Amino acid sequence: MIPLTRLDGQPFYLQLVHIVTVEELPDTTITLVGNRKLVVRESLHEVNEAIEAKLMMYGVAAASKQEEDV
């Protein structure tokens, strides 16, 4: 799960498996499975970094990066 902040300042955690897309519209909007949308304070870059950091913890990002390099 990654920590995020709603526009009203309320912190929450989001499971990565629920994320379909992350966009700046201009607010950062996360579309979830089921087409539910969340708007967060974090930038697109910050959300992406949080996702990559979590994936690296599980070794998923490293394996994916190695496949791209081949």
PDB file of N, CA and C in Angstrom:
ATOM      1  N   MET A   1       0.849  -1.175   0.000  1.00  0.00           N
ATOM      2  CA  MET A   1       0.000   0.000   0.000  1.00  0.00           C
ATOM      3  C   MET A   1       0.891   1.233   0.000  1.00  0.00           C
ATOM      4  N   ILE A   2       0.393   2.290  -0.655  1.00  0.00           N
ATOM      5  CA  ILE A   2       1.153   3.535  -0.677  1.00  0.00           C
ATOM      6  C   ILE A   2       0.369   4.614   0.068  1.00  0.00           C
ATOM      7  N   PRO A   3       1.082   5.484   0.805  1.00  0.00           N
ATOM      8  CA  PRO A   3       0.404   6.563   1.521  1.00  0.00           C
ATOM      9  C   PRO A   3       0.083   7.707   0.562  1.00  0.00           C
ATOM     10  N   LEU A   4      -1.138   8.225   0.663  1.00  0.00           N
ATOM     11  CA  LEU A   4      -1.576   9.349  -0.160  1.00  0.00           C
ATOM     12  C   LEU A   4      -2.384  10.307   0.698  1.00  0.00           C
ATOM     13  N   THR A   5      -2.700  11.474   0.123  1.00  0.00           N
ATOM     14  CA  THR A   5      -3.461  12.487   0.844  1.00  0.00           C
ATOM     15  C   THR A   5      -4.605  12.983  -0.029  1.00  0.00           C
ATOM     16  N   ARG A   6      -5.821  12.929   0.506  1.00  0.00           N
ATOM     17  CA  ARG A   6      -6.976  13.477  -0.217  1.00  0.00           C
ATOM     18  C   ARG A   6      -6.842  14.998  -0.273  1.00  0.00           C
ATOM     19  N   LEU A   7      -7.597  15.642  -1.160  1.00  0.00           N
ATOM     20  CA  LEU A   7      -7.529  17.098  -1.281  1.00  0.00           C
ATOM     21  C   LEU A   7      -7.891  17.806   0.017  1.00  0.00           C
ATOM     22  N   ASP A   8      -8.746  17.184   0.843  1.00  0.00           N
ATOM     23  CA  ASP A   8      -9.139  17.802   2.114  1.00  0.00           C
ATOM     24  C   ASP A   8      -8.100  17.599   3.215  1.00  0.00           C
ATOM     25  N   GLY A   9      -6.960  16.961   2.869  1.00  0.00           N
ATOM     26  CA  GLY A   9      -5.882  16.764   3.830  1.00  0.00           C
ATOM     27  C   GLY A   9      -5.919  15.439   4.566  1.00  0.00           C
ATOM     28  N   GLN A  10      -6.929  14.632   4.322  1.00  0.00           N
ATOM     29  CA  GLN A  10      -7.061  13.346   5.008  1.00  0.00           C
ATOM     30  C   GLN A  10      -6.104  12.318   4.399  1.00  0.00           C
ATOM     31  N   PRO A  11      -5.192  11.776   5.212  1.00  0.00           N
ATOM     32  CA  PRO A  11      -4.279  10.750   4.700  1.00  0.00           C
ATOM     33  C   PRO A  11      -4.986   9.399   4.582  1.00  0.00           C
ATOM     34  N   PHE A  12      -4.531   8.598   3.634  1.00  0.00           N
ATOM     35  CA  PHE A  12      -5.057   7.244   3.477  1.00  0.00           C
ATOM     36  C   PHE A  12      -4.017   6.396   2.760  1.00  0.00           C
ATOM     37  N   TYR A  13      -4.230   5.093   2.745  1.00  0.00           N
ATOM     38  CA  TYR A  13      -3.345   4.161   2.052  1.00  0.00           C
ATOM     39  C   TYR A  13      -4.125   3.493   0.929  1.00  0.00           C
ATOM     40  N   LEU A  14      -3.436   3.273  -0.192  1.00  0.00           N
ATOM     41  CA  LEU A  14      -4.079   2.673  -1.358  1.00  0.00           C
ATOM     42  C   LEU A  14      -3.317   1.422  -1.794  1.00  0.00           C
ATOM     43  N   GLN A  15      -4.043   0.340  -2.015  1.00  0.00           N
ATOM     44  CA  GLN A  15      -3.451  -0.901  -2.521  1.00  0.00           C
ATOM     45  C   GLN A  15      -3.088  -0.714  -3.994  1.00  0.00           C
ATOM     46  N   LEU A  16      -1.880  -1.079  -4.374  1.00  0.00           N
ATOM     47  CA  LEU A  16      -1.420  -0.916  -5.752  1.00  0.00           C
ATOM     48  C   LEU A  16      -2.259  -1.699  -6.753  1.00  0.00           C
ATOM     49  N   VAL A  17      -2.760  -2.850  -6.351  1.00  0.00           N
ATOM     50  CA  VAL A  17      -3.505  -3.700  -7.284  1.00  0.00           C
ATOM     51  C   VAL A  17      -4.804  -3.054  -7.760  1.00  0.00           C
ATOM     52  N   HIS A  18      -5.257  -2.002  -7.085  1.00  0.00           N
ATOM     53  CA  HIS A  18      -6.497  -1.329  -7.467  1.00  0.00           C
ATOM     54  C   HIS A  18      -6.273  -0.214  -8.485  1.00  0.00           C
ATOM     55  N   ILE A  19      -5.014   0.172  -8.722  1.00  0.00           N
ATOM     56  CA  ILE A  19      -4.714   1.305  -9.596  1.00  0.00           C
ATOM     57  C   ILE A  19      -4.733   0.872 -11.057  1.00  0.00           C
ATOM     58  N   VAL A  20      -5.491   1.634 -11.868  1.00  0.00           N
ATOM     59  CA  VAL A  20      -5.523   1.412 -13.310  1.00  0.00           C
ATOM     60  C   VAL A  20      -4.688   2.484 -13.998  1.00  0.00           C
ATOM     61  N   THR A  21      -4.951   3.771 -13.684  1.00  0.00           N
ATOM     62  CA  THR A  21      -4.182   4.875 -14.266  1.00  0.00           C
ATOM     63  C   THR A  21      -3.965   5.971 -13.233  1.00  0.00           C
ATOM     64  N   VAL A  22      -2.912   6.774 -13.469  1.00  0.00           N
ATOM     65  CA  VAL A  22      -2.643   7.971 -12.674  1.00  0.00           C
ATOM     66  C   VAL A  22      -2.416   9.094 -13.680  1.00  0.00           C
ATOM     67  N   GLU A  23      -3.180  10.194 -13.543  1.00  0.00           N
ATOM     68  CA  GLU A  23      -3.109  11.302 -14.494  1.00  0.00           C
ATOM     69  C   GLU A  23      -3.103  12.634 -13.757  1.00  0.00           C
ATOM     70  N   GLU A  24      -2.571  13.673 -14.413  1.00  0.00           N
ATOM     71  CA  GLU A  24      -2.699  15.044 -13.918  1.00  0.00           C
ATOM     72  C   GLU A  24      -3.707  15.743 -14.813  1.00  0.00           C
ATOM     73  N   LEU A  25      -4.837  16.163 -14.229  1.00  0.00           N
ATOM     74  CA  LEU A  25      -5.955  16.682 -15.030  1.00  0.00           C
ATOM     75  C   LEU A  25      -6.455  18.077 -14.647  1.00  0.00           C
ATOM     76  N   PRO A  26      -5.887  19.050 -14.071  1.00  0.00           N
ATOM     77  CA  PRO A  26      -4.517  19.190 -13.624  1.00  0.00           C
ATOM     78  C   PRO A  26      -4.260  18.566 -12.252  1.00  0.00           C
ATOM     79  N   ASP A  27      -5.317  18.328 -11.440  1.00  0.00           N
ATOM     80  CA  ASP A  27      -5.086  17.646 -10.161  1.00  0.00           C
ATOM     81  C   ASP A  27      -4.750  16.186 -10.443  1.00  0.00           C
ATOM     82  N   THR A  28      -3.948  15.594  -9.577  1.00  0.00           N
ATOM     83  CA  THR A  28      -3.573  14.194  -9.759  1.00  0.00           C
ATOM     84  C   THR A  28      -4.790  13.322  -9.479  1.00  0.00           C
ATOM     85  N   THR A  29      -5.201  12.583 -10.491  1.00  0.00           N
ATOM     86  CA  THR A  29      -6.392  11.745 -10.422  1.00  0.00           C
ATOM     87  C   THR A  29      -5.997  10.292 -10.645  1.00  0.00           C
ATOM     88  N   ILE A  30      -6.380   9.444  -9.704  1.00  0.00           N
ATOM     89  CA  ILE A  30      -6.083   8.015  -9.788  1.00  0.00           C
ATOM     90  C   ILE A  30      -7.380   7.295 -10.122  1.00  0.00           C
ATOM     91  N   THR A  31      -7.359   6.555 -11.224  1.00  0.00           N
ATOM     92  CA  THR A  31      -8.515   5.746 -11.606  1.00  0.00           C
ATOM     93  C   THR A  31      -8.282   4.333 -11.099  1.00  0.00           C
ATOM     94  N   LEU A  32      -9.287   3.811 -10.407  1.00  0.00           N
ATOM     95  CA  LEU A  32      -9.195   2.480  -9.812  1.00  0.00           C
ATOM     96  C   LEU A  32      -9.988   1.466 -10.624  1.00  0.00           C
ATOM     97  N   VAL A  33      -9.747   0.199 -10.354  1.00  0.00           N
ATOM     98  CA  VAL A  33     -10.562  -0.863 -10.928  1.00  0.00           C
ATOM     99  C   VAL A  33     -12.013  -0.539 -10.581  1.00  0.00           C
ATOM    100  N   GLY A  34     -12.915  -0.696 -11.518  1.00  0.00           N
ATOM    101  CA  GLY A  34     -14.309  -0.338 -11.278  1.00  0.00           C
ATOM    102  C   GLY A  34     -14.595   1.097 -11.664  1.00  0.00           C
ATOM    103  N   ASN A  35     -13.588   1.790 -12.207  1.00  0.00           N
ATOM    104  CA  ASN A  35     -13.672   3.162 -12.709  1.00  0.00           C
ATOM    105  C   ASN A  35     -13.901   4.215 -11.622  1.00  0.00           C
ATOM    106  N   ARG A  36     -13.682   3.873 -10.363  1.00  0.00           N
ATOM    107  CA  ARG A  36     -13.755   4.868  -9.290  1.00  0.00           C
ATOM    108  C   ARG A  36     -12.540   5.772  -9.405  1.00  0.00           C
ATOM    109  N   LYS A  37     -12.718   7.069  -9.156  1.00  0.00           N
ATOM    110  CA  LYS A  37     -11.623   8.019  -9.278  1.00  0.00           C
ATOM    111  C   LYS A  37     -11.333   8.671  -7.929  1.00  0.00           C
ATOM    112  N   LEU A  38     -10.038   8.822  -7.629  1.00  0.00           N
ATOM    113  CA  LEU A  38      -9.585   9.504  -6.423  1.00  0.00           C
ATOM    114  C   LEU A  38      -8.721  10.680  -6.849  1.00  0.00           C
ATOM    115  N   VAL A  39      -8.932  11.839  -6.232  1.00  0.00           N
ATOM    116  CA  VAL A  39      -8.097  13.007  -6.490  1.00  0.00           C
ATOM    117  C   VAL A  39      -7.232  13.215  -5.255  1.00  0.00           C
ATOM    118  N   VAL A  40      -5.920  13.333  -5.470  1.00  0.00           N
ATOM    119  CA  VAL A  40      -4.979  13.420  -4.358  1.00  0.00           C
ATOM    120  C   VAL A  40      -4.109  14.663  -4.468  1.00  0.00           C
ATOM    121  N   ARG A  41      -3.509  15.049  -3.343  1.00  0.00           N
ATOM    122  CA  ARG A  41      -2.621  16.215  -3.289  1.00  0.00           C
ATOM    123  C   ARG A  41      -1.270  15.958  -3.935  1.00  0.00           C
ATOM    124  N   GLU A  42      -0.802  14.722  -3.893  1.00  0.00           N
ATOM    125  CA  GLU A  42       0.516  14.396  -4.426  1.00  0.00           C
ATOM    126  C   GLU A  42       0.544  14.610  -5.940  1.00  0.00           C
ATOM    127  N   SER A  43       1.721  14.960  -6.446  1.00  0.00           N
ATOM    128  CA  SER A  43       1.888  15.126  -7.889  1.00  0.00           C
ATOM    129  C   SER A  43       1.953  13.760  -8.567  1.00  0.00           C
ATOM    130  N   LEU A  44       1.802  13.766  -9.868  1.00  0.00           N
ATOM    131  CA  LEU A  44       1.941  12.534 -10.646  1.00  0.00           C
ATOM    132  C   LEU A  44       3.303  11.901 -10.383  1.00  0.00           C
ATOM    133  N   HIS A  45       4.332  12.733 -10.350  1.00  0.00           N
ATOM    134  CA  HIS A  45       5.695  12.248 -10.105  1.00  0.00           C
ATOM    135  C   HIS A  45       5.807  11.598  -8.722  1.00  0.00           C
ATOM    136  N   GLU A  46       5.230  12.224  -7.703  1.00  0.00           N
ATOM    137  CA  GLU A  46       5.293  11.676  -6.341  1.00  0.00           C
ATOM    138  C   GLU A  46       4.562  10.337  -6.235  1.00  0.00           C
ATOM    139  N   VAL A  47       3.408  10.242  -6.888  1.00  0.00           N
ATOM    140  CA  VAL A  47       2.656   8.982  -6.865  1.00  0.00           C
ATOM    141  C   VAL A  47       3.458   7.896  -7.576  1.00  0.00           C
ATOM    142  N   ASN A  48       4.033   8.246  -8.726  1.00  0.00           N
ATOM    143  CA  ASN A  48       4.836   7.279  -9.473  1.00  0.00           C
ATOM    144  C   ASN A  48       6.035   6.806  -8.652  1.00  0.00           C
ATOM    145  N   GLU A  49       6.705   7.731  -7.965  1.00  0.00           N
ATOM    146  CA  GLU A  49       7.846   7.351  -7.122  1.00  0.00           C
ATOM    147  C   GLU A  49       7.415   6.416  -5.992  1.00  0.00           C
ATOM    148  N   ALA A  50       6.263   6.693  -5.386  1.00  0.00           N
ATOM    149  CA  ALA A  50       5.766   5.838  -4.303  1.00  0.00           C
ATOM    150  C   ALA A  50       5.457   4.433  -4.821  1.00  0.00           C
ATOM    151  N   ILE A  51       4.870   4.365  -6.017  1.00  0.00           N
ATOM    152  CA  ILE A  51       4.558   3.063  -6.617  1.00  0.00           C
ATOM    153  C   ILE A  51       5.846   2.303  -6.914  1.00  0.00           C
ATOM    154  N   GLU A  52       6.808   2.985  -7.544  1.00  0.00           N
ATOM    155  CA  GLU A  52       8.075   2.328  -7.880  1.00  0.00           C
ATOM    156  C   GLU A  52       8.819   1.860  -6.631  1.00  0.00           C
ATOM    157  N   ALA A  53       8.813   2.673  -5.578  1.00  0.00           N
ATOM    158  CA  ALA A  53       9.489   2.292  -4.334  1.00  0.00           C
ATOM    159  C   ALA A  53       8.856   1.036  -3.741  1.00  0.00           C
ATOM    160  N   LYS A  54       7.536   0.978  -3.768  1.00  0.00           N
ATOM    161  CA  LYS A  54       6.840  -0.197  -3.221  1.00  0.00           C
ATOM    162  C   LYS A  54       7.135  -1.432  -4.068  1.00  0.00           C
ATOM    163  N   LEU A  55       7.132  -1.282  -5.382  1.00  0.00           N
ATOM    164  CA  LEU A  55       7.431  -2.410  -6.262  1.00  0.00           C
ATOM    165  C   LEU A  55       8.860  -2.894  -6.070  1.00  0.00           C
ATOM    166  N   MET A  56       9.782  -1.966  -5.835  1.00  0.00           N
ATOM    167  CA  MET A  56      11.173  -2.346  -5.598  1.00  0.00           C
ATOM    168  C   MET A  56      11.300  -3.153  -4.311  1.00  0.00           C
ATOM    169  N   MET A  57      10.470  -2.830  -3.315  1.00  0.00           N
ATOM    170  CA  MET A  57      10.474  -3.596  -2.069  1.00  0.00           C
ATOM    171  C   MET A  57      10.145  -5.059  -2.332  1.00  0.00           C
ATOM    172  N   TYR A  58       9.273  -5.285  -3.295  1.00  0.00           N
ATOM    173  CA  TYR A  58       8.858  -6.647  -3.622  1.00  0.00           C
ATOM    174  C   TYR A  58       9.703  -7.266  -4.723  1.00  0.00           C
ATOM    175  N   GLY A  59      10.668  -6.506  -5.261  1.00  0.00           N
ATOM    176  CA  GLY A  59      11.529  -7.019  -6.311  1.00  0.00           C
ATOM    177  C   GLY A  59      10.891  -7.034  -7.686  1.00  0.00           C
ATOM    178  N   VAL A  60       9.695  -6.484  -7.809  1.00  0.00           N
ATOM    179  CA  VAL A  60       8.986  -6.479  -9.089  1.00  0.00           C
ATOM    180  C   VAL A  60       9.619  -5.488 -10.051  1.00  0.00           C
ATOM    181  N   ALA A  61       9.971  -4.307  -9.563  1.00  0.00           N
ATOM    182  CA  ALA A  61      10.538  -3.273 -10.428  1.00  0.00           C
ATOM    183  C   ALA A  61      11.884  -3.711 -10.981  1.00  0.00           C
ATOM    184  N   ALA A  62      12.690  -4.358 -10.167  1.00  0.00           N
ATOM    185  CA  ALA A  62      14.009  -4.801 -10.615  1.00  0.00           C
ATOM    186  C   ALA A  62      13.874  -5.835 -11.722  1.00  0.00           C
ATOM    187  N   ALA A  63      12.972  -6.759 -11.576  1.00  0.00           N
ATOM    188  CA  ALA A  63      12.763  -7.784 -12.602  1.00  0.00           C
ATOM    189  C   ALA A  63      12.234  -7.155 -13.878  1.00  0.00           C
ATOM    190  N   SER A  64      11.333  -6.204 -13.749  1.00  0.00           N
ATOM    191  CA  SER A  64      10.774  -5.520 -14.911  1.00  0.00           C
ATOM    192  C   SER A  64      11.844  -4.722 -15.634  1.00  0.00           C
ATOM    193  N   LYS A  65      12.700  -4.043 -14.899  1.00  0.00           N
ATOM    194  CA  LYS A  65      13.775  -3.244 -15.483  1.00  0.00           C
ATOM    195  C   LYS A  65      14.750  -4.133 -16.239  1.00  0.00           C
ATOM    196  N   GLN A  66      15.077  -5.294 -15.699  1.00  0.00           N
ATOM    197  CA  GLN A  66      15.996  -6.215 -16.366  1.00  0.00           C
ATOM    198  C   GLN A  66      15.414  -6.695 -17.690  1.00  0.00           C
ATOM    199  N   GLU A  67      14.114  -6.930 -17.744  1.00  0.00           N
ATOM    200  CA  GLU A  67      13.477  -7.366 -18.983  1.00  0.00           C
ATOM    201  C   GLU A  67      13.535  -6.271 -20.035  1.00  0.00           C
ATOM    202  N   GLU A  68      13.402  -5.002 -19.644  1.00  0.00           N
ATOM    203  CA  GLU A  68      13.470  -3.888 -20.578  1.00  0.00           C
ATOM    204  C   GLU A  68      14.865  -3.752 -21.162  1.00  0.00           C
ATOM    205  N   ASP A  69      15.881  -4.042 -20.366  1.00  0.00           N
ATOM    206  CA  ASP A  69      17.264  -3.889 -20.802  1.00  0.00           C
ATOM    207  C   ASP A  69      17.686  -4.959 -21.803  1.00  0.00           C
ATOM    208  N   VAL A  70      16.945  -6.045 -21.875  1.00  0.00           N
ATOM    209  CA  VAL A  70      17.317  -7.161 -22.762  1.00  0.00           C
ATOM    210  C   VAL A  70      16.918  -6.876 -24.180  1.00  0.00           C
TER     211      VAL A  70
END
